[in-house]
N, C-alpha and C. Protein backbone atom coordinates (compact mmCIF):
# COMPACT_ATOMS: atom_id res chain seq x y z
N UNK A 1 50.23 104.36 107.53
CA UNK A 1 50.60 103.19 108.04
C UNK A 1 50.97 101.96 106.74
N UNK A 2 50.60 102.38 105.98
CA UNK A 2 51.10 101.10 105.07
C UNK A 2 52.72 100.94 104.63
N UNK A 3 53.02 102.56 104.49
CA UNK A 3 54.68 103.33 104.09
C UNK A 3 55.05 102.72 105.68
N UNK A 4 55.11 102.64 106.75
CA UNK A 4 55.99 102.30 107.99
C UNK A 4 55.70 100.49 108.12
N UNK A 5 54.73 100.00 107.62
CA UNK A 5 54.94 98.44 107.59
C UNK A 5 55.85 98.15 106.55
N UNK A 6 55.75 98.72 105.25
CA UNK A 6 56.91 98.36 104.28
C UNK A 6 58.73 98.39 104.31
N UNK A 7 58.40 99.64 104.74
CA UNK A 7 59.80 100.43 105.86
C UNK A 7 60.26 99.39 106.66
N UNK A 8 59.48 98.76 107.89
CA UNK A 8 59.50 97.75 108.90
C UNK A 8 60.31 96.43 108.31
N UNK A 9 59.74 95.78 107.56
CA UNK A 9 59.46 94.93 106.36
C UNK A 9 60.68 94.65 105.41
N UNK A 10 60.83 95.61 104.63
CA UNK A 10 62.46 96.18 104.36
C UNK A 10 64.01 96.43 105.04
N UNK A 11 63.45 96.50 106.48
CA UNK A 11 64.73 97.10 107.20
C UNK A 11 64.95 95.60 107.73
N UNK A 12 63.72 94.54 108.09
CA UNK A 12 63.93 93.23 108.29
C UNK A 12 65.02 92.55 107.45
N UNK A 13 64.64 92.98 106.25
CA UNK A 13 65.30 91.68 105.44
C UNK A 13 66.34 92.60 105.42
N UNK A 14 66.49 93.57 105.53
CA UNK A 14 68.39 94.03 105.35
C UNK A 14 68.66 93.29 106.31
N UNK A 15 68.55 93.47 107.16
CA UNK A 15 69.06 92.84 108.92
C UNK A 15 69.46 91.18 108.39
N UNK A 16 68.24 90.49 108.14
CA UNK A 16 68.49 88.87 107.76
C UNK A 16 69.31 88.82 106.31
N UNK A 17 69.25 89.35 105.74
CA UNK A 17 70.55 89.39 104.22
C UNK A 17 71.62 89.77 104.82
N UNK A 18 72.17 90.72 106.20
CA UNK A 18 73.40 91.26 106.59
C UNK A 18 73.93 89.78 107.82
N UNK A 19 73.09 89.63 108.11
CA UNK A 19 73.26 88.35 109.03
C UNK A 19 73.43 87.02 108.19
N UNK A 20 73.30 86.94 108.20
CA UNK A 20 73.76 85.40 106.57
C UNK A 20 74.95 85.93 106.33
N UNK A 21 75.90 86.98 105.85
CA UNK A 21 76.75 87.22 105.84
C UNK A 21 77.80 87.39 106.70
N UNK A 22 78.69 86.60 106.48
CA UNK A 22 79.42 86.22 107.75
C UNK A 22 80.87 87.02 107.73
N UNK A 23 80.94 87.90 108.98
CA UNK A 23 82.17 88.84 109.08
C UNK A 23 83.31 87.89 109.27
N UNK A 24 84.37 88.79 108.01
CA UNK A 24 85.83 87.63 107.75
C UNK A 24 87.11 88.72 108.27
N UNK A 25 87.71 87.93 108.94
CA UNK A 25 88.68 88.71 110.17
C UNK A 25 89.59 89.09 109.23
N UNK A 26 89.79 90.75 109.01
CA UNK A 26 91.12 91.17 108.66
C UNK A 26 92.18 91.42 109.27
N UNK A 27 93.48 91.92 108.78
CA UNK A 27 94.90 92.16 109.36
C UNK A 27 95.55 92.22 108.50
N UNK A 28 96.58 93.38 108.76
CA UNK A 28 97.09 94.40 107.66
C UNK A 28 99.13 93.83 108.11
N UNK A 29 99.52 93.66 107.03
CA UNK A 29 101.09 92.76 107.01
C UNK A 29 102.49 93.79 106.22
N UNK A 30 103.25 94.41 107.24
CA UNK A 30 103.68 94.92 106.27
C UNK A 30 105.15 94.12 105.78
N UNK A 31 105.34 93.23 105.16
CA UNK A 31 106.01 92.25 105.11
C UNK A 31 107.26 92.39 104.64
N UNK A 32 107.76 93.72 104.27
CA UNK A 32 109.22 93.88 103.76
C UNK A 32 109.67 94.33 105.80
N UNK A 33 108.55 94.97 106.28
CA UNK A 33 109.27 95.76 107.63
C UNK A 33 109.33 93.68 108.45
N UNK A 34 108.68 92.93 108.46
CA UNK A 34 108.80 91.53 109.02
C UNK A 34 110.26 90.66 108.28
N UNK A 35 109.96 90.76 107.65
CA UNK A 35 111.24 90.30 106.48
C UNK A 35 112.85 90.93 108.04
N UNK A 36 112.69 92.38 106.72
CA UNK A 36 114.18 93.02 107.63
C UNK A 36 114.35 93.21 108.81
N UNK A 37 113.47 92.78 110.06
CA UNK A 37 114.04 92.79 110.95
C UNK A 37 114.17 91.31 111.88
N UNK A 38 114.07 90.21 110.97
CA UNK A 38 114.05 89.35 111.54
C UNK A 38 116.02 89.18 112.19
N UNK A 39 116.00 87.76 112.32
CA UNK A 39 117.30 87.46 112.73
C UNK A 39 117.97 86.80 111.74
N UNK A 40 118.03 86.48 110.59
CA UNK A 40 118.71 86.05 109.57
C UNK A 40 118.51 86.88 108.54
N UNK A 41 117.46 87.80 108.65
CA UNK A 41 117.97 89.36 107.49
C UNK A 41 119.39 90.04 108.33
N UNK A 42 118.95 90.34 109.44
CA UNK A 42 119.90 90.97 110.35
C UNK A 42 121.52 90.33 110.51
N UNK A 43 121.50 89.14 110.05
CA UNK A 43 122.68 88.74 109.83
C UNK A 43 123.22 88.42 108.01
N UNK A 44 122.30 88.67 107.36
CA UNK A 44 122.91 88.94 105.88
C UNK A 44 123.08 90.10 105.86
N UNK A 45 122.70 90.80 106.21
CA UNK A 45 123.18 92.45 106.28
C UNK A 45 124.44 92.83 107.10
N UNK A 46 124.67 92.03 108.05
CA UNK A 46 125.82 91.76 108.74
C UNK A 46 127.05 91.58 107.78
N UNK A 47 126.82 90.20 106.75
CA UNK A 47 127.85 89.70 106.46
C UNK A 47 127.68 90.22 105.28
N UNK A 48 127.04 90.83 104.32
CA UNK A 48 126.85 92.04 103.37
C UNK A 48 127.65 93.67 103.30
N UNK A 49 127.51 93.62 104.75
CA UNK A 49 128.87 94.54 105.19
C UNK A 49 129.73 94.05 105.36
N UNK A 50 130.16 93.43 105.59
CA UNK A 50 131.60 92.61 106.21
C UNK A 50 131.99 92.62 104.19
N UNK A 51 131.20 92.16 103.58
CA UNK A 51 131.84 91.65 102.20
C UNK A 51 132.00 92.65 101.21
N UNK A 52 131.19 94.17 101.42
CA UNK A 52 131.59 95.03 100.23
C UNK A 52 132.58 96.38 101.70
N UNK A 53 132.53 96.11 102.75
CA UNK A 53 132.94 97.24 103.65
C UNK A 53 134.63 97.91 102.92
N UNK A 54 134.84 97.19 102.18
CA UNK A 54 136.98 97.66 101.31
C UNK A 54 136.59 98.27 100.20
N UNK A 55 135.38 97.71 99.71
CA UNK A 55 134.83 98.37 98.44
C UNK A 55 133.94 99.85 98.41
N UNK A 56 133.16 100.03 99.88
CA UNK A 56 132.47 101.12 99.79
C UNK A 56 133.24 102.13 100.67
N UNK A 57 134.31 101.64 100.89
CA UNK A 57 135.16 102.64 101.03
C UNK A 57 136.37 103.13 100.07
N UNK A 58 136.19 102.30 99.46
CA UNK A 58 136.96 103.41 98.71
C UNK A 58 136.13 103.48 97.25
N UNK A 59 134.39 103.24 96.83
CA UNK A 59 134.05 104.46 96.33
C UNK A 59 133.38 105.72 97.34
N UNK A 60 133.89 105.51 98.94
CA UNK A 60 133.46 106.74 99.12
C UNK A 60 134.34 107.61 99.28
N UNK A 61 135.79 106.91 99.29
CA UNK A 61 137.17 108.12 99.12
C UNK A 61 137.26 108.86 97.42
N UNK A 62 136.53 107.62 96.13
CA UNK A 62 136.39 108.08 95.18
C UNK A 62 135.44 109.45 95.19
N UNK A 63 134.29 109.31 95.61
CA UNK A 63 133.53 110.19 95.74
C UNK A 63 134.00 111.66 96.42
N UNK A 64 134.84 111.40 97.44
CA UNK A 64 135.21 112.72 98.07
C UNK A 64 136.26 113.20 97.24
N UNK A 65 137.23 112.32 96.36
CA UNK A 65 138.05 112.80 95.49
C UNK A 65 137.16 113.68 94.53
N UNK A 66 136.82 113.43 93.92
CA UNK A 66 135.93 114.14 92.61
C UNK A 66 135.12 115.49 93.82
N UNK A 67 134.29 115.55 94.72
CA UNK A 67 134.46 116.90 95.25
C UNK A 67 135.10 117.30 95.13
N UNK A 68 136.31 117.16 95.63
CA UNK A 68 137.63 117.88 96.10
C UNK A 68 138.20 118.68 93.99
N UNK A 69 138.24 117.56 93.30
CA UNK A 69 138.33 118.09 92.30
C UNK A 69 137.63 119.21 92.01
N UNK A 70 136.13 118.88 92.06
CA UNK A 70 135.25 120.09 90.92
C UNK A 70 135.18 121.19 92.21
N UNK A 71 135.47 121.00 93.32
CA UNK A 71 135.50 122.26 94.30
C UNK A 71 136.61 122.87 94.07
N UNK A 72 137.96 122.44 93.62
CA UNK A 72 139.23 122.95 93.15
C UNK A 72 139.01 123.74 91.85
N UNK A 73 138.43 122.86 90.78
CA UNK A 73 138.02 123.31 89.77
C UNK A 73 136.93 125.17 89.98
N UNK A 74 136.10 124.90 90.91
CA UNK A 74 134.97 126.15 90.88
C UNK A 74 135.68 127.20 91.97
N UNK A 75 137.02 126.84 92.47
CA UNK A 75 137.47 128.01 93.50
C UNK A 75 138.52 128.56 92.58
N UNK A 76 139.21 127.76 92.27
CA UNK A 76 140.39 128.62 91.01
C UNK A 76 140.78 128.16 89.84
N UNK A 77 139.50 128.03 89.06
CA UNK A 77 139.49 127.35 88.10
C UNK A 77 139.98 129.12 87.18
N UNK A 78 139.64 130.10 87.60
CA UNK A 78 139.69 131.25 86.74
C UNK A 78 140.69 131.47 86.84
N UNK A 79 142.28 131.08 88.20
CA UNK A 79 143.28 131.72 88.03
C UNK A 79 144.17 130.56 87.54
N UNK A 80 143.89 129.23 87.25
CA UNK A 80 144.82 128.89 86.77
C UNK A 80 145.42 128.35 85.47
N UNK A 81 146.09 128.13 84.77
CA UNK A 81 146.75 128.11 83.25
C UNK A 81 145.60 127.38 82.98
N UNK A 82 145.74 127.66 82.04
CA UNK A 82 144.69 126.48 80.75
C UNK A 82 145.00 124.73 80.93
N UNK A 83 146.55 124.62 80.38
CA UNK A 83 147.42 123.37 81.07
C UNK A 83 146.43 122.49 82.50
N UNK A 84 146.95 123.59 82.97
CA UNK A 84 146.63 123.66 85.00
C UNK A 84 144.96 122.58 85.20
N UNK A 85 144.29 123.47 84.31
CA UNK A 85 143.00 123.44 84.14
C UNK A 85 142.40 121.98 83.47
N UNK A 86 142.85 122.19 82.34
CA UNK A 86 142.69 121.09 81.64
C UNK A 86 142.92 119.50 82.31
N UNK A 87 144.38 119.84 82.89
CA UNK A 87 144.74 118.74 83.83
C UNK A 87 143.68 118.28 84.86
N UNK A 88 143.20 119.43 85.59
CA UNK A 88 141.95 118.73 86.65
C UNK A 88 141.33 118.27 86.02
N UNK A 89 140.48 119.26 84.79
CA UNK A 89 139.20 118.81 84.37
C UNK A 89 139.63 117.16 83.92
N UNK A 90 140.32 116.52 83.15
CA UNK A 90 140.82 115.53 83.18
C UNK A 90 140.71 114.06 84.20
N UNK A 91 141.20 114.89 85.62
CA UNK A 91 141.63 114.31 86.61
C UNK A 91 139.85 113.95 86.86
N UNK A 92 139.28 114.48 86.71
CA UNK A 92 137.92 114.87 87.16
C UNK A 92 136.99 114.13 86.72
N UNK A 93 137.46 114.15 84.94
CA UNK A 93 136.66 112.93 84.33
C UNK A 93 136.94 111.66 84.51
N UNK A 94 137.80 111.35 84.66
CA UNK A 94 138.44 109.54 85.05
C UNK A 94 138.21 109.46 85.73
N UNK A 95 138.05 110.38 87.26
CA UNK A 95 138.02 109.40 88.19
C UNK A 95 136.50 109.52 89.25
N UNK A 96 135.65 110.52 87.67
CA UNK A 96 134.25 110.44 87.83
C UNK A 96 133.72 109.04 87.39
N UNK A 97 134.21 108.96 86.56
CA UNK A 97 134.25 107.51 85.50
C UNK A 97 134.20 106.29 86.46
N UNK A 98 135.09 106.30 86.98
CA UNK A 98 136.01 105.46 88.11
C UNK A 98 134.57 105.23 89.00
N UNK A 99 134.17 106.57 89.19
CA UNK A 99 133.81 106.38 90.66
C UNK A 99 131.90 106.18 89.80
N UNK A 100 131.89 106.74 88.97
CA UNK A 100 130.09 105.93 88.81
C UNK A 100 130.30 104.38 88.56
N UNK A 101 131.63 103.61 87.56
CA UNK A 101 131.70 102.39 87.54
C UNK A 101 131.77 101.91 88.67
N UNK A 102 132.71 101.50 90.01
CA UNK A 102 132.44 101.04 90.95
C UNK A 102 131.11 101.66 91.72
N UNK A 103 130.40 102.55 92.17
CA UNK A 103 129.31 102.28 92.88
C UNK A 103 128.10 101.58 91.98
N UNK A 104 128.52 101.63 90.49
CA UNK A 104 127.12 100.63 90.00
C UNK A 104 127.53 98.80 89.92
N UNK A 105 128.63 99.17 90.19
CA UNK A 105 129.16 97.60 90.92
C UNK A 105 128.48 97.34 91.74
N UNK A 106 129.16 98.03 92.78
CA UNK A 106 128.60 97.76 94.50
C UNK A 106 127.08 97.46 94.56
N UNK A 107 126.72 98.58 93.48
CA UNK A 107 124.41 98.81 93.72
C UNK A 107 124.59 97.09 93.63
N UNK A 108 125.06 96.54 92.37
CA UNK A 108 124.44 95.56 91.46
C UNK A 108 125.04 94.54 92.60
N UNK A 109 126.28 94.05 92.94
CA UNK A 109 126.22 93.19 93.80
C UNK A 109 125.78 93.52 95.37
N UNK A 110 125.22 94.30 95.56
CA UNK A 110 123.91 94.33 97.21
C UNK A 110 123.16 94.32 96.25
N UNK A 111 122.60 94.46 95.06
CA UNK A 111 121.16 94.11 95.10
C UNK A 111 120.62 92.18 94.71
N UNK A 112 122.66 91.77 94.56
CA UNK A 112 122.29 90.58 93.64
C UNK A 112 122.07 89.35 95.33
N UNK A 113 122.53 89.97 96.28
CA UNK A 113 122.39 89.69 97.64
C UNK A 113 121.36 90.11 98.23
N UNK A 114 120.81 91.10 97.84
CA UNK A 114 119.71 91.29 98.74
C UNK A 114 118.40 90.09 97.96
N UNK A 115 118.47 89.74 96.78
CA UNK A 115 117.22 89.23 96.17
C UNK A 115 117.86 87.53 95.77
N UNK A 116 118.96 87.32 96.25
CA UNK A 116 119.08 85.66 96.95
C UNK A 116 118.77 85.29 99.07
N UNK A 117 119.04 86.56 99.45
CA UNK A 117 118.41 86.56 100.50
C UNK A 117 116.79 86.11 100.74
N UNK A 118 116.15 86.91 99.87
CA UNK A 118 115.07 87.04 99.49
C UNK A 118 114.49 86.05 98.81
N UNK A 119 114.89 85.12 97.86
CA UNK A 119 114.54 84.08 97.53
C UNK A 119 115.02 82.84 98.31
N UNK A 120 115.92 83.52 99.41
CA UNK A 120 116.01 82.17 100.47
C UNK A 120 115.12 81.87 101.53
N UNK A 121 114.97 83.48 101.87
CA UNK A 121 113.97 83.21 102.81
C UNK A 121 112.10 83.27 102.42
N UNK A 122 112.49 83.91 101.28
CA UNK A 122 110.71 83.88 100.64
C UNK A 122 109.48 82.65 101.14
N UNK A 123 109.82 81.34 101.33
CA UNK A 123 109.11 80.06 101.67
C UNK A 123 109.15 80.26 103.71
N UNK A 124 110.15 80.70 104.07
CA UNK A 124 110.09 80.52 105.54
C UNK A 124 108.74 81.78 105.81
N UNK A 125 109.18 83.13 104.98
CA UNK A 125 108.27 83.79 105.14
C UNK A 125 106.99 83.69 105.33
N UNK A 126 106.65 83.32 103.71
CA UNK A 126 105.40 82.28 103.70
C UNK A 126 104.70 81.48 104.72
N UNK A 127 105.69 80.38 104.91
CA UNK A 127 105.37 79.63 106.23
C UNK A 127 104.94 80.50 107.63
N UNK A 128 105.18 81.25 107.94
CA UNK A 128 105.13 82.59 108.82
C UNK A 128 103.89 82.97 109.01
N UNK A 129 103.92 83.85 107.53
CA UNK A 129 102.61 84.47 107.23
C UNK A 129 101.29 83.00 107.23
N UNK A 130 101.21 82.18 107.39
CA UNK A 130 100.15 81.12 107.24
C UNK A 130 100.34 80.94 108.23
N UNK A 131 101.08 80.08 109.56
CA UNK A 131 100.90 80.00 110.58
C UNK A 131 100.15 81.11 111.24
N UNK A 132 100.65 82.28 111.31
CA UNK A 132 100.02 83.25 111.99
C UNK A 132 98.11 83.98 111.40
N UNK A 133 98.45 83.44 110.80
CA UNK A 133 96.88 83.56 109.59
C UNK A 133 95.85 82.66 110.29
N UNK A 134 96.42 81.46 110.12
CA UNK A 134 95.93 80.22 111.09
C UNK A 134 95.74 80.29 112.33
N UNK A 135 96.19 81.22 113.15
CA UNK A 135 96.42 81.84 114.69
C UNK A 135 95.44 82.15 114.89
N UNK A 136 95.23 83.73 114.04
CA UNK A 136 94.22 84.79 114.47
C UNK A 136 92.93 84.78 113.36
N UNK A 137 92.84 83.15 112.62
CA UNK A 137 91.37 83.42 111.41
C UNK A 137 91.60 84.13 110.71
N UNK A 138 92.31 84.22 110.42
CA UNK A 138 92.02 85.55 109.57
C UNK A 138 91.53 85.51 107.69
N UNK A 139 91.20 85.70 107.20
CA UNK A 139 90.44 85.34 105.94
C UNK A 139 90.89 86.21 105.36
N UNK A 140 91.11 87.49 105.27
CA UNK A 140 91.89 88.78 104.58
C UNK A 140 93.49 89.45 104.77
N UNK A 141 93.96 89.06 104.36
CA UNK A 141 95.58 90.17 104.96
C UNK A 141 95.91 91.09 103.54
N UNK A 142 96.29 92.30 104.01
CA UNK A 142 96.11 93.47 103.12
C UNK A 142 97.69 93.76 103.85
N UNK A 143 98.66 94.11 102.50
CA UNK A 143 99.75 94.63 102.28
C UNK A 143 99.78 95.98 103.59
N UNK A 144 100.15 96.86 104.75
CA UNK A 144 100.06 97.50 105.20
C UNK A 144 100.04 98.85 104.21
N UNK A 145 101.12 98.43 103.40
CA UNK A 145 101.43 99.99 102.74
C UNK A 145 100.39 100.73 101.42
N UNK A 146 99.45 99.64 101.85
CA UNK A 146 98.43 100.08 100.49
C UNK A 146 96.98 100.70 101.68
N UNK A 147 97.12 100.34 102.56
CA UNK A 147 95.75 100.72 103.66
C UNK A 147 96.47 102.61 103.97
N UNK A 148 94.77 102.85 104.08
CA UNK A 148 95.21 104.57 104.56
C UNK A 148 95.04 103.76 106.35
N UNK A 149 94.50 103.56 106.75
CA UNK A 149 94.36 102.87 108.36
C UNK A 149 94.13 102.14 108.41
N UNK A 150 94.67 101.82 109.32
CA UNK A 150 93.90 100.39 110.68
C UNK A 150 94.79 100.37 111.63
N UNK A 151 94.60 99.84 112.47
CA UNK A 151 94.01 100.29 114.24
C UNK A 151 96.06 99.58 114.06
N UNK A 152 96.56 99.37 115.34
CA UNK A 152 97.48 98.39 115.71
C UNK A 152 97.71 97.29 116.08
N UNK A 153 96.24 96.60 116.33
CA UNK A 153 95.71 95.49 116.70
C UNK A 153 95.19 94.58 115.60
N UNK A 154 95.07 95.35 114.55
CA UNK A 154 95.25 94.71 112.90
C UNK A 154 96.78 94.56 112.58
N UNK A 155 97.55 95.14 113.37
CA UNK A 155 98.77 94.57 112.51
C UNK A 155 99.33 93.43 113.07
N UNK A 156 99.96 92.00 111.97
CA UNK A 156 100.65 91.06 112.44
C UNK A 156 101.82 91.08 112.11
N UNK A 157 102.64 92.01 111.67
CA UNK A 157 104.66 92.47 111.64
C UNK A 157 104.79 92.21 112.55
N UNK A 158 105.34 92.00 113.47
CA UNK A 158 106.27 91.40 114.56
C UNK A 158 105.41 90.27 114.97
N UNK A 159 104.49 89.92 114.82
CA UNK A 159 104.65 88.51 115.45
C UNK A 159 104.70 87.42 113.53
N UNK A 160 103.95 88.42 112.34
CA UNK A 160 105.59 87.02 111.73
C UNK A 160 107.15 86.87 111.53
N UNK A 161 107.34 88.55 112.37
CA UNK A 161 108.94 88.54 112.49
C UNK A 161 109.18 87.50 113.58
N UNK A 162 108.46 86.93 114.59
CA UNK A 162 108.73 86.68 115.56
C UNK A 162 108.37 84.95 115.21
N UNK A 163 107.28 84.21 114.85
CA UNK A 163 107.01 83.33 113.85
C UNK A 163 108.46 82.89 113.22
N UNK A 164 108.60 83.78 112.16
CA UNK A 164 109.79 83.71 111.71
C UNK A 164 111.13 83.37 112.38
N UNK A 165 111.64 84.31 112.67
CA UNK A 165 112.67 84.11 114.00
C UNK A 165 112.53 81.87 114.74
N UNK A 166 111.13 81.83 115.22
CA UNK A 166 111.38 80.69 115.76
C UNK A 166 111.44 79.26 114.74
N UNK A 167 111.06 79.44 113.59
CA UNK A 167 111.01 78.74 112.74
C UNK A 167 112.83 77.98 112.10
N UNK A 168 112.72 76.74 111.73
CA UNK A 168 113.91 76.03 111.44
C UNK A 168 114.33 76.29 110.19
């Protein structure tokens, strides 16, 4: 009887302590997805495609030419004369170097544009997140990519995107 009363007292104390701790509202957000789905991100990506379109085509054409030279060397290398093989290898080195250089420049421009957009959009994204968090009384907002499982009801990504789009 004494053990039973002690167990009841401990259970009551735990229940009281648990009631004193307020339950926090928790939500998840994939901020990268929220930002990429905004109208300004779509517009920025379209501008980037337009700006870099011709350069991308040049890089693609160089890559295809390098592949053709490699295939030619592999398939016909045994029957080529030494001078012809050397000529194809020289072209391959030259075109391969141009390809690597132009591809690197293209990637650098793309990264610079993306970073500039993120820097410009970050304050607006922060305001959108703040508004959505306040609207839902969220105390803890966790990156969606860091969570093993979260129900769809906890995901605020689309709402943040919509709020971002509605801000001036």
